[in-house]
């Protein structure tokens, strides 16, 4: 199942993908949906308004997260989304992740190269603090980040940043500074 948070008429709504359309769910965002004990049943059985996938205005998955655990990233500049993929639709554990700026590959790595796998991270972090649905754990970034390049390269106004996770999807953002 694929879930997203989408903007409609000045507000947001969690949606479930159903082929070439999304179905509105009874939650303001994916975080609010996940807060319910039976969120999966609710999401699968929802029969709200349908909208074509093309042209959707994606919002952050969780509009106002309770916690963002940062391991080498920044809360307001990290590409999240445009959708959440549940384990039943996720590809295998090793996926290529990449980042292109204006069509040029800047970063690429395999999730199998993580120092700690996601299960280990969740176990460890949840032994220190309580994790809630919608909390974000970011594990850092592959090599190729702008400040570490020779010469350094930084994003400029209008640059297009495209982040991909193999088998899941693409997040496309335009830099505004």
C-alpha atoms as a PDB file:
ATOM      1  CA  UNK A   1       0.000   0.000   0.000  1.00  0.00           C
ATOM      2  CA  UNK A   2       1.261   3.482  -0.869  1.00  0.00           C
ATOM      3  CA  UNK A   3       0.189   6.447   1.201  1.00  0.00           C
ATOM      4  CA  UNK A   4       0.827  10.173   0.767  1.00  0.00           C
ATOM      5  CA  UNK A   5      -0.216  13.540   2.105  1.00  0.00           C
ATOM      6  CA  UNK A   6      -1.627  15.809  -0.611  1.00  0.00           C
ATOM      7  CA  UNK A   7      -2.732  19.448  -0.638  1.00  0.00           C
ATOM      8  CA  UNK A   8      -6.345  20.111  -1.682  1.00  0.00           C
ATOM      9  CA  UNK A   9      -7.934  23.574  -1.576  1.00  0.00           C
ATOM     10  CA  UNK A  10      -5.670  25.030   1.128  1.00  0.00           C
ATOM     11  CA  UNK A  11      -5.614  22.003   3.434  1.00  0.00           C
ATOM     12  CA  UNK A  12      -4.014  18.573   3.436  1.00  0.00           C
ATOM     13  CA  UNK A  13      -5.418  15.051   3.339  1.00  0.00           C
ATOM     14  CA  UNK A  14      -3.882  11.583   3.624  1.00  0.00           C
ATOM     15  CA  UNK A  15      -4.481   9.499   0.496  1.00  0.00           C
ATOM     16  CA  UNK A  16      -4.059   5.874  -0.624  1.00  0.00           C
ATOM     17  CA  UNK A  17      -2.870   5.073  -4.131  1.00  0.00           C
ATOM     18  CA  UNK A  18      -5.233   2.912  -6.171  1.00  0.00           C
ATOM     19  CA  UNK A  19      -3.750   2.533  -9.629  1.00  0.00           C
ATOM     20  CA  UNK A  20      -3.927   5.823 -11.530  1.00  0.00           C
ATOM     21  CA  UNK A  21      -5.961   7.566  -8.801  1.00  0.00           C
ATOM     22  CA  UNK A  22      -5.637   8.353  -5.104  1.00  0.00           C
ATOM     23  CA  UNK A  23      -8.451   7.889  -2.611  1.00  0.00           C
ATOM     24  CA  UNK A  24      -8.894  10.490   0.147  1.00  0.00           C
ATOM     25  CA  UNK A  25      -8.666   9.096   3.683  1.00  0.00           C
ATOM     26  CA  UNK A  26     -10.220  10.516   6.838  1.00  0.00           C
ATOM     27  CA  UNK A  27      -6.966  12.021   8.189  1.00  0.00           C
ATOM     28  CA  UNK A  28      -5.224  15.377   7.690  1.00  0.00           C
ATOM     29  CA  UNK A  29      -1.898  13.679   6.925  1.00  0.00           C
ATOM     30  CA  UNK A  30      -0.180  10.291   7.000  1.00  0.00           C
ATOM     31  CA  UNK A  31       0.992  10.935  10.589  1.00  0.00           C
ATOM     32  CA  UNK A  32      -2.601  11.401  11.789  1.00  0.00           C
ATOM     33  CA  UNK A  33      -3.600   8.210   9.947  1.00  0.00           C
ATOM     34  CA  UNK A  34      -0.754   6.212  11.540  1.00  0.00           C
ATOM     35  CA  UNK A  35      -1.774   7.391  15.010  1.00  0.00           C
ATOM     36  CA  UNK A  36      -4.863   5.137  14.870  1.00  0.00           C
ATOM     37  CA  UNK A  37      -4.485   1.570  16.140  1.00  0.00           C
ATOM     38  CA  UNK A  38      -6.138   0.084  13.039  1.00  0.00           C
ATOM     39  CA  UNK A  39      -4.685   2.535  10.490  1.00  0.00           C
ATOM     40  CA  UNK A  40      -3.983  -0.207   7.952  1.00  0.00           C
ATOM     41  CA  UNK A  41      -7.597  -1.436   7.897  1.00  0.00           C
ATOM     42  CA  UNK A  42      -8.868   2.150   7.744  1.00  0.00           C
ATOM     43  CA  UNK A  43      -6.550   2.991   4.831  1.00  0.00           C
ATOM     44  CA  UNK A  44      -7.364  -0.168   2.868  1.00  0.00           C
ATOM     45  CA  UNK A  45     -11.138   0.143   3.275  1.00  0.00           C
ATOM     46  CA  UNK A  46     -11.520   3.904   2.759  1.00  0.00           C
ATOM     47  CA  UNK A  47     -13.807   4.974  -0.049  1.00  0.00           C
ATOM     48  CA  UNK A  48     -13.321   8.748  -0.112  1.00  0.00           C
ATOM     49  CA  UNK A  49     -13.153  11.077  -3.103  1.00  0.00           C
ATOM     50  CA  UNK A  50     -10.835   9.984  -5.910  1.00  0.00           C
ATOM     51  CA  UNK A  51      -8.318  12.178  -7.733  1.00  0.00           C
ATOM     52  CA  UNK A  52      -6.002  11.420 -10.680  1.00  0.00           C
ATOM     53  CA  UNK A  53      -2.377  10.805  -9.628  1.00  0.00           C
ATOM     54  CA  UNK A  54      -1.063  13.163 -12.318  1.00  0.00           C
ATOM     55  CA  UNK A  55      -0.768  16.727 -11.066  1.00  0.00           C
ATOM     56  CA  UNK A  56      -1.119  16.051  -7.332  1.00  0.00           C
ATOM     57  CA  UNK A  57       0.378  18.675  -4.998  1.00  0.00           C
ATOM     58  CA  UNK A  58       2.305  16.536  -2.492  1.00  0.00           C
ATOM     59  CA  UNK A  59       2.792  17.884   1.022  1.00  0.00           C
ATOM     60  CA  UNK A  60       5.212  16.492   3.615  1.00  0.00           C
ATOM     61  CA  UNK A  61       4.076  13.016   4.703  1.00  0.00           C
ATOM     62  CA  UNK A  62       3.723  14.217   8.275  1.00  0.00           C
ATOM     63  CA  UNK A  63       2.917  17.920   8.224  1.00  0.00           C
ATOM     64  CA  UNK A  64       3.942  18.492  11.873  1.00  0.00           C
ATOM     65  CA  UNK A  65       6.089  15.577  13.120  1.00  0.00           C
ATOM     66  CA  UNK A  66       6.432  15.085  16.872  1.00  0.00           C
ATOM     67  CA  UNK A  67      10.115  14.205  16.550  1.00  0.00           C
ATOM     68  CA  UNK A  68      12.746  14.252  13.844  1.00  0.00           C
ATOM     69  CA  UNK A  69      15.821  12.251  14.858  1.00  0.00           C
ATOM     70  CA  UNK A  70      18.671  13.779  12.895  1.00  0.00           C
ATOM     71  CA  UNK A  71      21.781  11.805  12.058  1.00  0.00           C
ATOM     72  CA  UNK A  72      23.444  14.154   9.591  1.00  0.00           C
ATOM     73  CA  UNK A  73      20.414  15.975   8.137  1.00  0.00           C
ATOM     74  CA  UNK A  74      18.263  19.037   8.653  1.00  0.00           C
ATOM     75  CA  UNK A  75      14.552  18.994   9.435  1.00  0.00           C
ATOM     76  CA  UNK A  76      13.365  21.475   6.796  1.00  0.00           C
ATOM     77  CA  UNK A  77      15.690  20.618   3.913  1.00  0.00           C
ATOM     78  CA  UNK A  78      15.517  16.844   3.719  1.00  0.00           C
ATOM     79  CA  UNK A  79      13.483  15.245   0.921  1.00  0.00           C
ATOM     80  CA  UNK A  80      10.769  13.066   2.482  1.00  0.00           C
ATOM     81  CA  UNK A  81       8.074  11.508   0.379  1.00  0.00           C
ATOM     82  CA  UNK A  82       6.254  12.021  -1.774  1.00  0.00           C
ATOM     83  CA  UNK A  83       4.706   8.852  -0.323  1.00  0.00           C
ATOM     84  CA  UNK A  84       5.126   6.220   2.353  1.00  0.00           C
ATOM     85  CA  UNK A  85       5.384   2.594   1.271  1.00  0.00           C
ATOM     86  CA  UNK A  86       4.197  -0.134   3.642  1.00  0.00           C
ATOM     87  CA  UNK A  87       6.298  -3.325   4.006  1.00  0.00           C
ATOM     88  CA  UNK A  88       3.928  -5.368   1.819  1.00  0.00           C
ATOM     89  CA  UNK A  89       4.829  -3.184  -1.209  1.00  0.00           C
ATOM     90  CA  UNK A  90       8.442  -2.369  -0.379  1.00  0.00           C
ATOM     91  CA  UNK A  91      11.083  -3.946  -2.584  1.00  0.00           C
ATOM     92  CA  UNK A  92      13.843  -6.064  -1.014  1.00  0.00           C
ATOM     93  CA  UNK A  93      16.117  -4.681   1.681  1.00  0.00           C
ATOM     94  CA  UNK A  94      18.877  -3.426  -0.641  1.00  0.00           C
ATOM     95  CA  UNK A  95      17.904  -0.470  -2.858  1.00  0.00           C
ATOM     96  CA  UNK A  96      19.900   2.099  -4.790  1.00  0.00           C
ATOM     97  CA  UNK A  97      19.297   5.646  -3.572  1.00  0.00           C
ATOM     98  CA  UNK A  98      20.447   8.625  -5.623  1.00  0.00           C
ATOM     99  CA  UNK A  99      20.327  12.389  -5.843  1.00  0.00           C
ATOM    100  CA  UNK A 100      20.609  14.405  -9.070  1.00  0.00           C
ATOM    101  CA  UNK A 101      20.949  18.185  -9.302  1.00  0.00           C
ATOM    102  CA  UNK A 102      19.870  19.658 -12.635  1.00  0.00           C
ATOM    103  CA  UNK A 103      20.221  16.217 -14.228  1.00  0.00           C
ATOM    104  CA  UNK A 104      23.748  15.557 -12.906  1.00  0.00           C
ATOM    105  CA  UNK A 105      24.238  12.592 -10.554  1.00  0.00           C
ATOM    106  CA  UNK A 106      25.660  13.953  -7.297  1.00  0.00           C
ATOM    107  CA  UNK A 107      25.093  11.059  -4.881  1.00  0.00           C
ATOM    108  CA  UNK A 108      24.412   7.326  -5.177  1.00  0.00           C
ATOM    109  CA  UNK A 109      24.571   4.475  -2.677  1.00  0.00           C
ATOM    110  CA  UNK A 110      22.892   1.201  -1.756  1.00  0.00           C
ATOM    111  CA  UNK A 111      20.765   0.914   1.381  1.00  0.00           C
ATOM    112  CA  UNK A 112      22.566  -2.372   2.043  1.00  0.00           C
ATOM    113  CA  UNK A 113      25.645  -0.259   2.851  1.00  0.00           C
ATOM    114  CA  UNK A 114      24.045   1.325   5.935  1.00  0.00           C
ATOM    115  CA  UNK A 115      26.213   0.859   9.035  1.00  0.00           C
ATOM    116  CA  UNK A 116      23.079  -0.070  11.037  1.00  0.00           C
ATOM    117  CA  UNK A 117      19.997  -1.582   9.396  1.00  0.00           C
ATOM    118  CA  UNK A 118      16.587   0.060  10.036  1.00  0.00           C
ATOM    119  CA  UNK A 119      15.471  -2.570  12.591  1.00  0.00           C
ATOM    120  CA  UNK A 120      18.632  -2.051  14.668  1.00  0.00           C
ATOM    121  CA  UNK A 121      18.174   1.731  14.527  1.00  0.00           C
ATOM    122  CA  UNK A 122      14.542   1.556  15.688  1.00  0.00           C
ATOM    123  CA  UNK A 123      15.440  -0.887  18.494  1.00  0.00           C
ATOM    124  CA  UNK A 124      18.252   1.330  19.734  1.00  0.00           C
ATOM    125  CA  UNK A 125      16.467   4.694  19.472  1.00  0.00           C
ATOM    126  CA  UNK A 126      13.270   3.319  21.054  1.00  0.00           C
ATOM    127  CA  UNK A 127      15.333   2.133  24.039  1.00  0.00           C
ATOM    128  CA  UNK A 128      16.178   5.819  24.669  1.00  0.00           C
ATOM    129  CA  UNK A 129      12.978   7.680  23.702  1.00  0.00           C
ATOM    130  CA  UNK A 130       9.426   6.735  22.839  1.00  0.00           C
ATOM    131  CA  UNK A 131       8.870   6.624  19.089  1.00  0.00           C
ATOM    132  CA  UNK A 132       5.419   7.550  17.806  1.00  0.00           C
ATOM    133  CA  UNK A 133       3.783   6.974  14.410  1.00  0.00           C
ATOM    134  CA  UNK A 134       5.110   9.572  12.003  1.00  0.00           C
ATOM    135  CA  UNK A 135       8.469  10.082  13.743  1.00  0.00           C
ATOM    136  CA  UNK A 136      11.340  10.300  11.266  1.00  0.00           C
ATOM    137  CA  UNK A 137      14.747   8.657  11.651  1.00  0.00           C
ATOM    138  CA  UNK A 138      17.199   9.949   9.063  1.00  0.00           C
ATOM    139  CA  UNK A 139      20.482   8.096   8.737  1.00  0.00           C
ATOM    140  CA  UNK A 140      22.551  10.674   6.896  1.00  0.00           C
ATOM    141  CA  UNK A 141      23.558  10.997   3.289  1.00  0.00           C
ATOM    142  CA  UNK A 142      25.743   9.161   0.767  1.00  0.00           C
ATOM    143  CA  UNK A 143      29.077  10.644  -0.261  1.00  0.00           C
ATOM    144  CA  UNK A 144      28.919  13.547  -2.705  1.00  0.00           C
ATOM    145  CA  UNK A 145      27.392  16.237  -0.511  1.00  0.00           C
ATOM    146  CA  UNK A 146      28.165  19.760  -1.801  1.00  0.00           C
ATOM    147  CA  UNK A 147      30.437  21.012   1.009  1.00  0.00           C
ATOM    148  CA  UNK A 148      32.670  17.917   0.705  1.00  0.00           C
ATOM    149  CA  UNK A 149      33.212  18.323  -3.052  1.00  0.00           C
ATOM    150  CA  UNK A 150      36.360  19.835  -4.564  1.00  0.00           C
ATOM    151  CA  UNK A 151      35.582  22.568  -5.285  1.00  0.00           C
ATOM    152  CA  UNK A 152      32.547  22.833  -2.967  1.00  0.00           C
ATOM    153  CA  UNK A 153      29.210  23.002  -4.784  1.00  0.00           C
ATOM    154  CA  UNK A 154      26.061  24.409  -3.221  1.00  0.00           C
ATOM    155  CA  UNK A 155      22.459  24.579  -4.399  1.00  0.00           C
ATOM    156  CA  UNK A 156      21.338  27.787  -6.088  1.00  0.00           C
ATOM    157  CA  UNK A 157      17.930  29.317  -6.604  1.00  0.00           C
ATOM    158  CA  UNK A 158      16.036  27.359  -9.270  1.00  0.00           C
ATOM    159  CA  UNK A 159      18.159  24.179  -9.069  1.00  0.00           C
ATOM    160  CA  UNK A 160      16.094  21.011  -9.461  1.00  0.00           C
ATOM    161  CA  UNK A 161      16.906  18.296  -6.908  1.00  0.00           C
ATOM    162  CA  UNK A 162      15.661  14.802  -7.746  1.00  0.00           C
ATOM    163  CA  UNK A 163      15.970  12.104  -5.077  1.00  0.00           C
ATOM    164  CA  UNK A 164      15.204   8.471  -5.999  1.00  0.00           C
ATOM    165  CA  UNK A 165      14.869   5.223  -4.106  1.00  0.00           C
ATOM    166  CA  UNK A 166      14.886   2.234  -6.440  1.00  0.00           C
ATOM    167  CA  UNK A 167      11.547   0.456  -6.468  1.00  0.00           C
ATOM    168  CA  UNK A 168       9.794   3.142  -4.408  1.00  0.00           C
ATOM    169  CA  UNK A 169       9.776   6.400  -6.313  1.00  0.00           C
ATOM    170  CA  UNK A 170      11.052   9.886  -7.022  1.00  0.00           C
ATOM    171  CA  UNK A 171      10.892  13.120  -5.010  1.00  0.00           C
ATOM    172  CA  UNK A 172      11.417  16.248  -7.129  1.00  0.00           C
ATOM    173  CA  UNK A 173      12.069  19.667  -5.532  1.00  0.00           C
ATOM    174  CA  UNK A 174      13.052  23.093  -6.837  1.00  0.00           C
ATOM    175  CA  UNK A 175      15.483  25.029  -4.649  1.00  0.00           C
ATOM    176  CA  UNK A 176      14.223  28.425  -3.467  1.00  0.00           C
ATOM    177  CA  UNK A 177      16.715  30.688  -1.729  1.00  0.00           C
END
